[in-house]
Amino acid sequence: MSAEILQARTPAEISLATVFDDSKARLPGTARVAKYREDSFSVFKASGLPHRRIEAWHYTDLRALMRNALPIAALPTAAIIDGLHEKLAATAPAQRLVLVDGFFVPQLSSNLPEGIRVRPLTSVLNEGQPDLIALLSSQDLAGRDSVVALNTALMQDGVVIEVAPQVVIAEPLYLIHVVASPTAHFTRSAVIVGAGASLRLAEMHHRGVEGGQANACLIVSVGEGASLGHAVGATGPAAQSMRLETIMARVGASAKFDSFALVSGIGLIRRQIFLRFEGIGASASLTGVALLGGREHADTTLHVEHAAQGCVSRETFNYILDEEATGIFQGKIRVAPGAQKTDGKMLSRAILLSDKAAMNNKPELEIFADDVACGHGATCGSLDSEQLFYLQTRGLPLPEAEALLLEAFAAEVIDSIGHDALIDVFRQKVKAWLSGRHPVMAAPAKTGSKA
């Protein structure tokens, strides 16, 4: 005889169940989609919010951290859209798509290049085209992850971007997320890049209010010989916010997928990426920089599955942690049986600027093939006192010497993006964060001089 211990539901889990019951009849989609939502919420209900006893969530106990669930977002009003129109027209890139509180707003979007088709998620769900619905689910990539299941059950809107085969888009297409109300947003978007095509997608955040809870999924499909460059600026200020991001990516034969993220200024953020190589000779680069202060909490969790031969993956993430910030990096490279000639490398590096900051690293390899070259590494430490002293002997005050070394540490990853304008955008964000730090009052102890 065995006994099962059932946990009492938290106030947040009770609120989410109420939200689903109250809103499911109004959520978009065919009867098949409605069934899909019900099944997904059953997955969430069975496990609840993820907690530390779930290995992948050990360092981000969402059950304890999410004290309440905010009301679900409503469609943005005409007044909100009108107010944003002038602001975005003056500051946002011309080639853009705009989501306001998770809803696609065509009036704020502009200058789509030839060869791209964009549709709101609502219309795709209402049409119920089987192949697109199957792609949008991608449940086989994330397994029974309860955060993904919750997003599936409550997904309100997003965009589905399709790039026609052989179409090459030279300049970045910006996807701008605007937070206009302190509510809960459930967004699901997809990027489908046809065979031989090329696109660079830049996701940026624009905050009009403090607070909010976001659960966003991005589905990626990169066709044979295609290329997708992806860059994310998940930045605040949003100290009271919670953001959960999931990327589920399929990469075809000889295709290339690069994804970079700059994380800063958000109270709690978890970015999880599930990537599968489905064709031979493909490559992917997953990189990021996290700039954390206060009591910010940033979790990057990766699962890279080499299911085909001759594929190359690179994962490099640099963290800078100050005050009482917490950083997490979890990465797993899994090489399936038969995926010979796999080349996979994973690296996490962290600089701690405070004794109260904490970094948790957990890299893993799971290999079921014998002709592979795989490795992982993790480093964690403070700034090099020798380098700081050297810069000070050249006339730099200690805060400037620190900033110079930290900027170079971040730039090692940022410069790999491969697009000059985006590199400049992210470098400026790093400089702004560094300039906002409290100056260091005490210099490291050092005697003598150094030529």
Protein backbone atom coordinates (compact mmCIF):
# COMPACT_ATOMS: atom_id res chain seq x y z
CA MET A 1 0.00 0.00 0.00
CA SER A 2 1.37 3.42 -0.92
CA ALA A 3 0.32 6.89 0.15
CA GLU A 4 0.35 10.01 -1.97
CA ILE A 5 0.88 13.41 -0.40
CA LEU A 6 -1.21 16.10 -2.05
CA GLN A 7 -0.14 19.71 -1.61
CA ALA A 8 -2.74 22.30 -0.77
CA ARG A 9 -3.24 24.74 -3.60
CA THR A 10 -1.72 28.18 -3.13
CA PRO A 11 -3.76 31.40 -3.50
CA ALA A 12 -2.07 31.99 -6.87
CA GLU A 13 -3.03 28.51 -8.14
CA ILE A 14 -6.63 28.98 -6.94
CA SER A 15 -6.79 32.36 -8.72
CA LEU A 16 -5.42 30.88 -11.95
CA ALA A 17 -8.04 28.14 -11.87
CA THR A 18 -10.75 30.77 -11.41
CA VAL A 19 -9.34 32.85 -14.26
CA PHE A 20 -9.38 29.84 -16.59
CA ASP A 21 -12.94 28.87 -15.68
CA ASP A 22 -14.17 32.44 -16.12
CA SER A 23 -12.37 33.17 -19.40
CA LYS A 24 -12.15 29.90 -21.35
CA ALA A 25 -15.43 30.49 -23.18
CA ARG A 26 -14.13 33.83 -24.47
CA LEU A 27 -10.64 32.72 -25.46
CA PRO A 28 -10.05 32.37 -29.22
CA GLY A 29 -9.98 29.09 -31.07
CA THR A 30 -11.98 26.27 -32.63
CA ALA A 31 -13.51 23.42 -30.66
CA ARG A 32 -10.28 21.49 -31.17
CA VAL A 33 -8.29 24.38 -29.69
CA ALA A 34 -10.73 24.58 -26.76
CA LYS A 35 -10.12 20.88 -26.06
CA TYR A 36 -6.41 21.49 -26.32
CA ARG A 37 -6.74 24.28 -23.73
CA GLU A 38 -8.70 22.03 -21.36
CA ASP A 39 -6.13 19.26 -21.63
CA SER A 40 -3.29 21.70 -21.01
CA PHE A 41 -4.93 23.19 -17.96
CA SER A 42 -5.41 19.66 -16.60
CA VAL A 43 -1.62 19.22 -16.89
CA PHE A 44 -1.10 22.47 -14.99
CA LYS A 45 -3.72 21.63 -12.37
CA ALA A 46 -2.17 18.23 -11.71
CA SER A 47 1.27 19.64 -10.92
CA GLY A 48 0.53 23.25 -9.98
CA LEU A 49 3.15 25.97 -10.09
CA PRO A 50 6.67 24.50 -10.34
CA HIS A 51 8.61 24.27 -7.09
CA ARG A 52 12.08 23.35 -5.83
CA ARG A 53 11.36 19.60 -5.74
CA ILE A 54 11.12 19.69 -9.54
CA GLU A 55 14.74 19.47 -10.65
CA ALA A 56 14.51 21.97 -13.51
CA TRP A 57 12.95 24.53 -11.13
CA HIS A 58 15.08 23.83 -8.07
CA TYR A 59 16.59 27.34 -8.00
CA THR A 60 13.41 29.17 -9.00
CA ASP A 61 10.66 28.02 -6.66
CA LEU A 62 7.78 29.68 -8.47
CA ARG A 63 5.25 28.21 -6.08
CA ALA A 64 6.84 30.14 -3.23
CA LEU A 65 7.80 33.25 -5.23
CA MET A 66 4.43 33.83 -6.93
CA ARG A 67 2.33 35.03 -4.01
CA ASN A 68 -0.71 35.97 -6.10
CA ALA A 69 -2.02 35.90 -9.66
CA LEU A 70 -2.92 39.21 -11.24
CA PRO A 71 -6.13 39.70 -13.26
CA ILE A 72 -5.82 38.66 -16.89
CA ALA A 73 -5.15 41.48 -19.36
CA ALA A 74 -7.93 43.03 -21.42
CA LEU A 75 -7.74 44.37 -24.95
CA PRO A 76 -5.99 47.77 -24.99
CA THR A 77 -8.41 50.68 -25.24
CA ALA A 78 -8.44 53.21 -28.07
CA ALA A 79 -7.05 55.81 -25.67
CA ILE A 80 -4.05 53.61 -24.84
CA ILE A 81 -3.40 52.91 -28.52
CA ASP A 82 -3.66 56.59 -29.43
CA GLY A 83 -1.25 57.50 -26.65
CA LEU A 84 1.27 54.94 -27.84
CA HIS A 85 0.98 55.85 -31.50
CA GLU A 86 2.81 59.15 -31.21
CA LYS A 87 5.37 57.82 -28.75
CA LEU A 88 6.30 54.77 -30.84
CA ALA A 89 6.34 56.74 -34.06
CA ALA A 90 9.00 59.00 -32.58
CA THR A 91 11.17 56.38 -30.86
CA ALA A 92 10.54 52.90 -32.27
CA PRO A 93 12.16 51.40 -35.39
CA ALA A 94 10.11 51.77 -38.56
CA GLN A 95 10.03 48.04 -39.36
CA ARG A 96 8.04 46.80 -36.38
CA LEU A 97 5.24 44.71 -34.93
CA VAL A 98 3.69 45.80 -31.64
CA LEU A 99 2.03 43.82 -28.87
CA VAL A 100 0.26 45.80 -26.13
CA ASP A 101 -0.36 43.79 -22.96
CA GLY A 102 0.12 40.71 -25.14
CA PHE A 103 -2.37 41.72 -27.87
CA PHE A 104 -1.23 42.37 -31.44
CA VAL A 105 -2.07 45.93 -32.50
CA PRO A 106 -1.78 46.36 -36.31
CA GLN A 107 -2.34 50.15 -36.02
CA LEU A 108 0.97 50.50 -34.20
CA SER A 109 2.86 48.20 -36.57
CA SER A 110 4.42 49.37 -39.82
CA ASN A 111 6.68 48.84 -42.83
CA LEU A 112 6.59 45.08 -43.16
CA PRO A 113 9.06 43.91 -45.80
CA GLU A 114 8.07 41.91 -48.86
CA GLY A 115 7.96 38.15 -48.43
CA ILE A 116 6.65 38.19 -44.85
CA ARG A 117 3.14 37.26 -43.78
CA VAL A 118 1.95 38.32 -40.32
CA ARG A 119 -1.28 37.26 -38.64
CA PRO A 120 -2.61 37.68 -35.11
CA LEU A 121 -2.62 34.49 -33.10
CA THR A 122 -6.36 34.93 -32.55
CA SER A 123 -7.11 34.55 -36.26
CA VAL A 124 -4.86 31.49 -36.57
CA LEU A 125 -6.58 29.81 -33.61
CA ASN A 126 -10.03 30.65 -34.97
CA GLU A 127 -9.12 29.26 -38.42
CA GLY A 128 -7.82 26.07 -36.80
CA GLN A 129 -5.46 25.06 -39.62
CA PRO A 130 -4.16 21.66 -38.39
CA ASP A 131 -0.48 22.08 -39.34
CA LEU A 132 -0.23 25.50 -37.71
CA ILE A 133 -2.05 24.38 -34.59
CA ALA A 134 0.33 21.41 -34.32
CA LEU A 135 3.33 23.73 -34.68
CA LEU A 136 1.95 26.18 -32.13
CA SER A 137 1.58 23.39 -29.60
CA SER A 138 5.14 22.00 -29.80
CA GLN A 139 4.39 20.13 -26.59
CA ASP A 140 6.85 17.36 -27.44
CA LEU A 141 9.70 19.85 -26.94
CA ALA A 142 8.75 21.14 -23.49
CA GLY A 143 7.28 17.91 -22.14
CA ARG A 144 4.87 18.49 -19.27
CA ASP A 145 6.31 21.81 -18.15
CA SER A 146 3.48 23.39 -16.15
CA VAL A 147 4.35 26.99 -17.09
CA VAL A 148 4.11 26.09 -20.79
CA ALA A 149 0.86 24.20 -20.11
CA LEU A 150 -0.56 27.28 -18.36
CA ASN A 151 0.40 29.46 -21.31
CA THR A 152 -1.29 27.00 -23.66
CA ALA A 153 -4.50 27.04 -21.62
CA LEU A 154 -4.70 30.84 -21.34
CA MET A 155 -2.94 32.11 -24.50
CA GLN A 156 -4.77 35.25 -25.55
CA ASP A 157 -2.91 36.62 -28.56
CA GLY A 158 0.45 37.07 -30.24
CA VAL A 159 1.74 37.08 -33.80
CA VAL A 160 2.46 34.35 -36.32
CA ILE A 161 5.28 35.44 -38.65
CA GLU A 162 5.91 33.44 -41.81
CA VAL A 163 8.87 34.11 -44.09
CA ALA A 164 8.47 32.70 -47.60
CA PRO A 165 11.14 30.31 -48.90
CA GLN A 166 14.30 31.94 -50.30
CA VAL A 167 13.32 35.41 -49.04
CA VAL A 168 16.18 37.31 -47.41
CA ILE A 169 15.27 40.16 -45.05
CA ALA A 170 18.33 42.35 -44.61
CA GLU A 171 17.24 44.64 -41.76
CA PRO A 172 15.87 43.49 -38.39
CA LEU A 173 12.15 43.12 -37.85
CA TYR A 174 11.33 44.46 -34.38
CA LEU A 175 8.72 42.86 -32.16
CA ILE A 176 7.93 45.39 -29.43
CA HIS A 177 6.22 44.31 -26.21
CA VAL A 178 4.42 47.19 -24.50
CA VAL A 179 3.25 46.82 -20.90
CA ALA A 180 0.38 49.29 -20.46
CA SER A 181 -1.35 47.79 -17.41
CA PRO A 182 -0.20 45.87 -14.31
CA THR A 183 -2.02 42.68 -15.29
CA ALA A 184 -1.21 39.10 -16.34
CA HIS A 185 -0.35 38.58 -20.02
CA PHE A 186 -0.42 35.19 -21.77
CA THR A 187 1.20 35.49 -25.19
CA ARG A 188 2.13 32.89 -27.78
CA SER A 189 3.88 33.81 -31.02
CA ALA A 190 5.53 31.85 -33.80
CA VAL A 191 8.28 32.51 -36.34
CA ILE A 192 8.33 30.19 -39.35
CA VAL A 193 11.30 30.67 -41.68
CA GLY A 194 10.93 28.88 -45.01
CA ALA A 195 13.67 26.88 -46.72
CA GLY A 196 16.63 29.04 -47.73
CA ALA A 197 15.13 32.19 -46.21
CA SER A 198 16.74 34.56 -43.71
CA LEU A 199 15.34 36.82 -40.99
CA ARG A 200 16.62 38.73 -37.98
CA LEU A 201 14.01 39.30 -35.26
CA ALA A 202 14.64 41.75 -32.42
CA GLU A 203 12.32 41.66 -29.40
CA MET A 204 12.29 44.77 -27.22
CA HIS A 205 10.29 45.76 -24.14
CA HIS A 206 8.62 49.12 -23.57
CA ARG A 207 7.16 49.67 -20.10
CA GLY A 208 4.50 52.23 -19.37
CA VAL A 209 3.70 50.93 -15.87
CA GLU A 210 5.43 49.11 -13.02
CA GLY A 211 4.48 45.55 -12.13
CA GLY A 212 2.75 42.88 -14.18
CA GLN A 213 3.10 39.15 -14.78
CA ALA A 214 3.95 37.79 -18.21
CA ASN A 215 3.93 34.20 -19.45
CA ALA A 216 5.17 34.27 -23.05
CA CYS A 217 6.00 31.49 -25.50
CA LEU A 218 7.80 31.83 -28.82
CA ILE A 219 7.63 28.92 -31.27
CA VAL A 220 10.48 28.80 -33.79
CA SER A 221 10.71 26.71 -36.96
CA VAL A 222 13.80 27.18 -39.13
CA GLY A 223 13.52 25.39 -42.46
CA GLU A 224 16.21 23.58 -44.44
CA GLY A 225 19.12 25.90 -45.23
CA ALA A 226 17.37 28.85 -43.56
CA SER A 227 18.73 31.31 -41.02
CA LEU A 228 17.11 33.07 -38.07
CA GLY A 229 18.89 35.61 -35.89
CA HIS A 230 17.04 36.44 -32.70
CA ALA A 231 17.89 39.14 -30.16
CA VAL A 232 15.94 40.02 -27.00
CA GLY A 233 16.16 43.05 -24.76
CA ALA A 234 14.32 41.94 -21.59
CA THR A 235 15.00 45.07 -19.59
CA GLY A 236 13.21 47.19 -16.99
CA PRO A 237 12.94 49.15 -14.84
CA ALA A 238 10.38 46.70 -13.48
CA ALA A 239 11.46 45.66 -10.00
CA GLN A 240 8.00 44.33 -9.09
CA SER A 241 7.48 42.40 -12.31
CA MET A 242 7.55 38.69 -13.10
CA ARG A 243 8.34 37.43 -16.59
CA LEU A 244 8.37 33.79 -17.73
CA GLU A 245 9.67 33.27 -21.28
CA THR A 246 9.79 30.00 -23.19
CA ILE A 247 11.32 29.40 -26.62
CA MET A 248 10.59 26.11 -28.38
CA ALA A 249 12.73 25.78 -31.51
CA ARG A 250 13.05 23.22 -34.30
CA VAL A 251 16.06 23.59 -36.59
CA GLY A 252 16.14 21.86 -39.97
CA ALA A 253 18.99 20.48 -42.04
CA SER A 254 21.86 22.91 -42.73
CA ALA A 255 19.86 25.65 -40.97
CA LYS A 256 21.16 28.21 -38.49
CA PHE A 257 19.52 29.67 -35.38
CA ASP A 258 21.20 32.28 -33.21
CA SER A 259 19.50 33.73 -30.13
CA PHE A 260 20.85 36.40 -27.76
CA ALA A 261 19.22 37.98 -24.70
CA LEU A 262 20.12 40.93 -22.49
CA VAL A 263 18.35 40.65 -19.13
CA SER A 264 18.25 43.54 -16.67
CA GLY A 265 15.93 45.44 -14.36
CA ILE A 266 13.15 42.83 -14.02
CA GLY A 267 12.33 41.58 -10.54
CA LEU A 268 12.02 37.90 -11.49
CA ILE A 269 12.66 36.49 -14.92
CA ARG A 270 13.00 32.92 -16.11
CA ARG A 271 13.99 32.22 -19.72
CA GLN A 272 13.81 28.60 -20.81
CA ILE A 273 14.79 27.37 -24.25
CA PHE A 274 13.96 23.95 -25.66
CA LEU A 275 15.81 23.40 -28.94
CA ARG A 276 15.95 20.35 -31.18
CA PHE A 277 18.14 19.76 -34.22
CA GLU A 278 15.94 17.86 -36.64
CA GLY A 279 18.18 17.84 -39.74
CA ILE A 280 21.84 17.10 -40.38
CA GLY A 281 24.48 19.83 -40.51
CA ALA A 282 22.51 22.45 -38.55
CA SER A 283 23.95 24.91 -36.04
CA ALA A 284 22.72 27.06 -33.17
CA SER A 285 24.18 29.66 -30.85
CA LEU A 286 22.38 30.55 -27.61
CA THR A 287 23.97 33.45 -25.76
CA GLY A 288 23.10 36.10 -23.21
CA VAL A 289 24.16 38.73 -20.70
CA ALA A 290 22.45 39.33 -17.35
CA LEU A 291 22.98 42.57 -15.40
CA LEU A 292 21.42 42.13 -11.98
CA GLY A 293 21.15 44.32 -8.91
CA GLY A 294 18.90 44.79 -5.90
CA ARG A 295 17.09 41.51 -5.23
CA GLU A 296 16.58 40.63 -8.88
CA HIS A 297 16.37 36.97 -9.84
CA ALA A 298 17.28 35.77 -13.35
CA ASP A 299 17.11 32.12 -14.41
CA THR A 300 18.31 30.81 -17.78
CA THR A 301 17.47 27.14 -18.40
CA LEU A 302 18.37 25.39 -21.66
CA HIS A 303 17.64 21.97 -23.12
CA VAL A 304 19.44 21.37 -26.41
CA GLU A 305 18.67 18.07 -28.12
CA HIS A 306 20.96 16.84 -30.89
CA ALA A 307 18.64 14.46 -32.70
CA ALA A 308 20.50 14.59 -36.03
CA GLN A 309 24.08 14.05 -37.15
CA GLY A 310 26.76 16.68 -37.64
CA CYS A 311 25.12 19.53 -35.74
CA VAL A 312 26.93 22.25 -33.79
CA SER A 313 25.64 24.05 -30.69
CA ARG A 314 27.26 26.82 -28.65
CA GLU A 315 25.86 28.26 -25.41
CA THR A 316 27.61 31.16 -23.68
CA PHE A 317 26.06 33.24 -20.88
CA ASN A 318 27.75 36.00 -18.86
CA TYR A 319 26.28 37.25 -15.58
CA ILE A 320 27.14 40.40 -13.62
CA LEU A 321 25.56 40.34 -10.16
CA ASP A 322 25.47 43.16 -7.63
CA GLU A 323 23.86 43.72 -4.21
CA GLU A 324 21.54 40.77 -3.31
CA ALA A 325 20.86 39.55 -6.86
CA THR A 326 20.56 35.86 -7.75
CA GLY A 327 21.60 34.33 -11.06
CA ILE A 328 20.85 30.82 -12.31
CA PHE A 329 22.21 28.99 -15.32
CA GLN A 330 21.03 25.45 -16.06
CA GLY A 331 21.95 23.88 -19.35
CA LYS A 332 21.64 20.36 -20.73
CA ILE A 333 23.01 19.08 -24.01
CA ARG A 334 21.46 15.75 -24.97
CA VAL A 335 22.95 13.75 -27.81
CA ALA A 336 20.50 11.15 -29.12
CA PRO A 337 21.55 7.68 -30.28
CA GLY A 338 22.86 7.96 -33.84
CA ALA A 339 23.58 11.70 -33.65
CA GLN A 340 27.23 11.19 -34.52
CA LYS A 341 29.66 14.05 -35.25
CA THR A 342 27.87 16.25 -32.72
CA ASP A 343 29.83 19.29 -31.55
CA GLY A 344 28.34 20.91 -28.45
CA LYS A 345 29.90 23.32 -25.98
CA MET A 346 28.35 25.20 -23.05
CA LEU A 347 29.85 27.94 -20.86
CA SER A 348 28.53 30.08 -18.02
CA ARG A 349 30.61 32.87 -16.44
CA ALA A 350 29.66 35.12 -13.55
CA ILE A 351 31.20 38.16 -11.87
CA LEU A 352 29.95 38.86 -8.35
CA LEU A 353 30.26 42.47 -7.21
CA SER A 354 28.81 41.86 -3.75
CA ASP A 355 29.26 39.27 -1.02
CA LYS A 356 25.47 38.95 -0.88
CA ALA A 357 25.03 38.13 -4.56
CA ALA A 358 24.64 34.46 -5.52
CA MET A 359 25.18 32.45 -8.70
CA ASN A 360 23.92 28.88 -9.26
CA ASN A 361 25.38 26.89 -12.17
CA LYS A 362 24.23 23.48 -13.30
CA PRO A 363 25.56 22.39 -16.71
CA GLU A 364 24.86 18.80 -17.88
CA LEU A 365 25.74 16.47 -20.72
CA GLU A 366 23.68 13.40 -21.66
CA ILE A 367 25.37 11.52 -24.50
CA PHE A 368 24.13 8.38 -26.27
CA ALA A 369 26.53 8.46 -29.24
CA ASP A 370 30.25 7.70 -29.36
CA ASP A 371 31.64 10.05 -32.03
CA VAL A 372 31.06 13.45 -30.45
CA ALA A 373 32.94 16.48 -29.12
CA CYS A 374 31.03 17.93 -26.18
CA GLY A 375 32.01 19.92 -23.13
CA HIS A 376 30.82 22.39 -20.56
CA GLY A 377 32.28 24.82 -18.06
CA ALA A 378 31.27 27.32 -15.41
CA THR A 379 33.24 30.04 -13.64
CA CYS A 380 32.28 32.39 -10.83
CA GLY A 381 34.35 35.08 -9.12
CA SER A 382 35.00 38.74 -8.49
CA LEU A 383 36.76 41.31 -10.64
CA ASP A 384 40.50 40.81 -11.01
CA SER A 385 42.23 43.08 -8.48
CA GLU A 386 45.40 43.08 -10.61
CA GLN A 387 43.49 44.43 -13.62
CA LEU A 388 41.73 47.02 -11.47
CA PHE A 389 45.03 48.14 -9.98
CA TYR A 390 46.64 48.38 -13.41
CA LEU A 391 43.85 50.64 -14.71
CA GLN A 392 44.07 52.81 -11.58
CA THR A 393 47.81 53.29 -12.08
CA ARG A 394 46.91 54.64 -15.54
CA GLY A 395 44.78 57.34 -13.96
CA LEU A 396 41.29 55.79 -13.95
CA PRO A 397 39.22 56.18 -10.76
CA LEU A 398 38.08 52.85 -9.32
CA PRO A 399 34.41 53.13 -10.45
CA GLU A 400 35.54 53.86 -14.02
CA ALA A 401 38.04 51.01 -13.94
CA GLU A 402 35.32 48.64 -12.75
CA ALA A 403 32.91 49.84 -15.43
CA LEU A 404 35.53 49.38 -18.16
CA LEU A 405 36.21 45.77 -17.17
CA LEU A 406 32.52 44.94 -16.78
CA GLU A 407 31.63 46.50 -20.12
CA ALA A 408 34.33 44.42 -21.81
CA PHE A 409 33.04 41.28 -20.07
CA ALA A 410 29.52 41.89 -21.43
CA ALA A 411 30.78 42.93 -24.87
CA GLU A 412 32.47 39.56 -25.38
CA VAL A 413 29.00 38.08 -25.86
CA ILE A 414 27.17 41.10 -27.30
CA ASP A 415 29.64 41.51 -30.15
CA SER A 416 28.77 38.03 -31.42
CA ILE A 417 25.25 39.14 -32.44
CA GLY A 418 26.47 39.95 -35.94
CA HIS A 419 24.54 43.16 -36.61
CA ASP A 420 26.21 46.51 -35.92
CA ALA A 421 23.05 48.48 -35.10
CA LEU A 422 21.82 45.87 -32.61
CA ILE A 423 25.28 45.57 -31.06
CA ASP A 424 25.26 49.33 -30.48
CA VAL A 425 21.76 49.20 -28.91
CA PHE A 426 22.78 46.52 -26.40
CA ARG A 427 26.15 48.12 -25.65
CA GLN A 428 24.35 51.36 -24.79
CA LYS A 429 22.02 49.48 -22.44
CA VAL A 430 25.03 47.99 -20.67
CA LYS A 431 26.64 51.42 -20.32
CA ALA A 432 23.42 52.85 -18.90
CA TRP A 433 23.22 50.08 -16.31
CA LEU A 434 26.86 50.51 -15.30
CA SER A 435 26.49 54.27 -14.96
CA GLY A 436 23.55 53.73 -12.60
CA ARG A 437 25.49 51.56 -10.16
CA HIS A 438 26.46 52.90 -6.77
CA PRO A 439 30.15 53.91 -6.90
CA VAL A 440 32.53 51.65 -5.07
CA MET A 441 33.87 53.51 -2.04
CA ALA A 442 36.89 51.43 -1.11
CA ALA A 443 39.76 50.55 -3.43
CA PRO A 444 41.27 47.07 -3.28
CA ALA A 445 44.29 46.86 -1.03
CA LYS A 446 47.48 47.10 -3.06
CA THR A 447 50.96 48.40 -2.48
CA GLY A 448 53.76 49.25 -4.84
CA SER A 449 53.48 50.23 -8.48
CA LYS A 450 53.21 48.47 -11.76
CA ALA A 451 54.54 49.69 -15.06
